[in-house]
Amino acid sequence: MAASHTGKPNDKPSIEELITRLEEITRNIENPDTGLENSIGLYEEGLTIAEACKKRLQEARKKIEVINPELAKTMPETPRIKDLFDSES
């Protein structure tokens, strides 16, 4: 994965960069010219990125819960996100 926009080698990619990479992976997997082996490798990369996104979102939610507990109680969780991540834990 490419370095983040700040150019610092130790910086983690932003959540937006991770999502962009997931979108690229999806397009590549959907392309019939990608091939099975490449698609499997891309799928594995996508799982790793999705897990990193999950952790970042959980960290962000925890910060919001500390900063504003009342707001955190009203934050909706979409069923799709809940289904994707809560069932794996």
Protein backbone atom coordinates (compact mmCIF):
# COMPACT_ATOMS: atom_id res chain seq x y z
CA MET A 1 0.00 0.00 0.00
CA ALA A 2 1.29 3.46 -0.81
CA ALA A 3 2.45 5.92 1.84
CA SER A 4 -0.09 8.41 3.07
CA HIS A 5 -0.37 11.91 1.67
CA THR A 6 1.82 13.46 4.36
CA GLY A 7 4.80 11.67 2.90
CA LYS A 8 6.06 10.51 6.30
CA PRO A 9 7.03 6.83 6.05
CA ASN A 10 5.69 5.87 9.52
CA ASP A 11 2.28 7.50 9.10
CA LYS A 12 -0.70 5.19 8.89
CA PRO A 13 -2.92 5.71 5.87
CA SER A 14 -6.05 7.67 6.65
CA ILE A 15 -9.39 5.91 6.86
CA GLU A 16 -10.29 7.64 3.59
CA GLU A 17 -7.19 6.20 1.93
CA LEU A 18 -8.04 2.74 3.23
CA ILE A 19 -11.59 3.00 1.89
CA THR A 20 -10.25 4.18 -1.47
CA ARG A 21 -7.98 1.14 -1.57
CA LEU A 22 -10.94 -1.13 -0.75
CA GLU A 23 -12.83 0.42 -3.66
CA GLU A 24 -9.85 -0.25 -5.96
CA ILE A 25 -9.66 -3.84 -4.75
CA THR A 26 -13.38 -4.31 -5.41
CA ARG A 27 -13.04 -2.96 -8.96
CA ASN A 28 -10.06 -5.24 -9.61
CA ILE A 29 -11.81 -8.33 -8.28
CA GLU A 30 -14.89 -7.55 -10.37
CA ASN A 31 -12.72 -7.31 -13.50
CA PRO A 32 -12.80 -10.70 -15.26
CA ASP A 33 -9.22 -10.15 -16.49
CA THR A 34 -7.84 -10.14 -12.93
CA GLY A 35 -7.69 -13.92 -12.64
CA LEU A 36 -8.42 -16.22 -9.76
CA GLU A 37 -5.06 -16.14 -7.96
CA ASN A 38 -4.82 -12.34 -8.12
CA SER A 39 -8.43 -12.05 -6.97
CA ILE A 40 -7.71 -14.24 -3.96
CA GLY A 41 -4.69 -12.11 -3.06
CA LEU A 42 -6.72 -8.94 -3.42
CA TYR A 43 -9.50 -10.44 -1.30
CA GLU A 44 -7.02 -11.23 1.47
CA GLU A 45 -5.63 -7.68 1.29
CA GLY A 46 -9.18 -6.36 1.46
CA LEU A 47 -9.90 -8.37 4.60
CA THR A 48 -6.79 -6.95 6.26
CA ILE A 49 -7.77 -3.40 5.31
CA ALA A 50 -11.37 -3.93 6.45
CA GLU A 51 -10.10 -5.10 9.85
CA ALA A 52 -7.89 -2.00 10.12
CA CYS A 53 -10.92 0.17 9.29
CA LYS A 54 -12.98 -1.64 11.93
CA LYS A 55 -10.34 -0.96 14.58
CA ARG A 56 -10.06 2.71 13.63
CA LEU A 57 -13.83 3.16 13.76
CA GLN A 58 -14.00 1.44 17.13
CA GLU A 59 -11.24 3.74 18.42
CA ALA A 60 -13.09 6.79 17.11
CA ARG A 61 -16.31 5.66 18.78
CA LYS A 62 -14.49 5.19 22.10
CA LYS A 63 -13.09 8.72 21.86
CA ILE A 64 -16.56 10.11 21.21
CA GLU A 65 -17.92 8.13 24.17
CA VAL A 66 -15.32 9.80 26.41
CA ILE A 67 -15.79 13.29 24.96
CA ASN A 68 -19.57 13.22 24.78
CA PRO A 69 -21.24 10.14 26.30
CA GLU A 70 -24.75 11.39 25.54
CA LEU A 71 -23.94 11.83 21.86
CA ALA A 72 -22.39 8.37 21.73
CA LYS A 73 -25.66 6.85 22.96
CA THR A 74 -27.51 8.36 19.99
CA MET A 75 -24.99 7.33 17.32
CA PRO A 76 -26.70 4.86 15.02
CA GLU A 77 -25.04 1.68 13.89
CA THR A 78 -26.17 0.55 10.50
CA PRO A 79 -27.15 -3.11 10.34
CA ARG A 80 -24.65 -3.70 7.55
CA ILE A 81 -21.67 -2.54 9.59
CA LYS A 82 -22.95 -4.33 12.68
CA ASP A 83 -23.44 -7.57 10.73
CA LEU A 84 -20.03 -7.38 9.08
CA PHE A 85 -18.00 -6.77 12.18
CA ASP A 86 -19.86 -7.85 15.30
CA SER A 87 -20.41 -11.38 14.06
CA GLU A 88 -16.65 -11.95 13.67
CA SER A 89 -15.70 -10.97 17.22
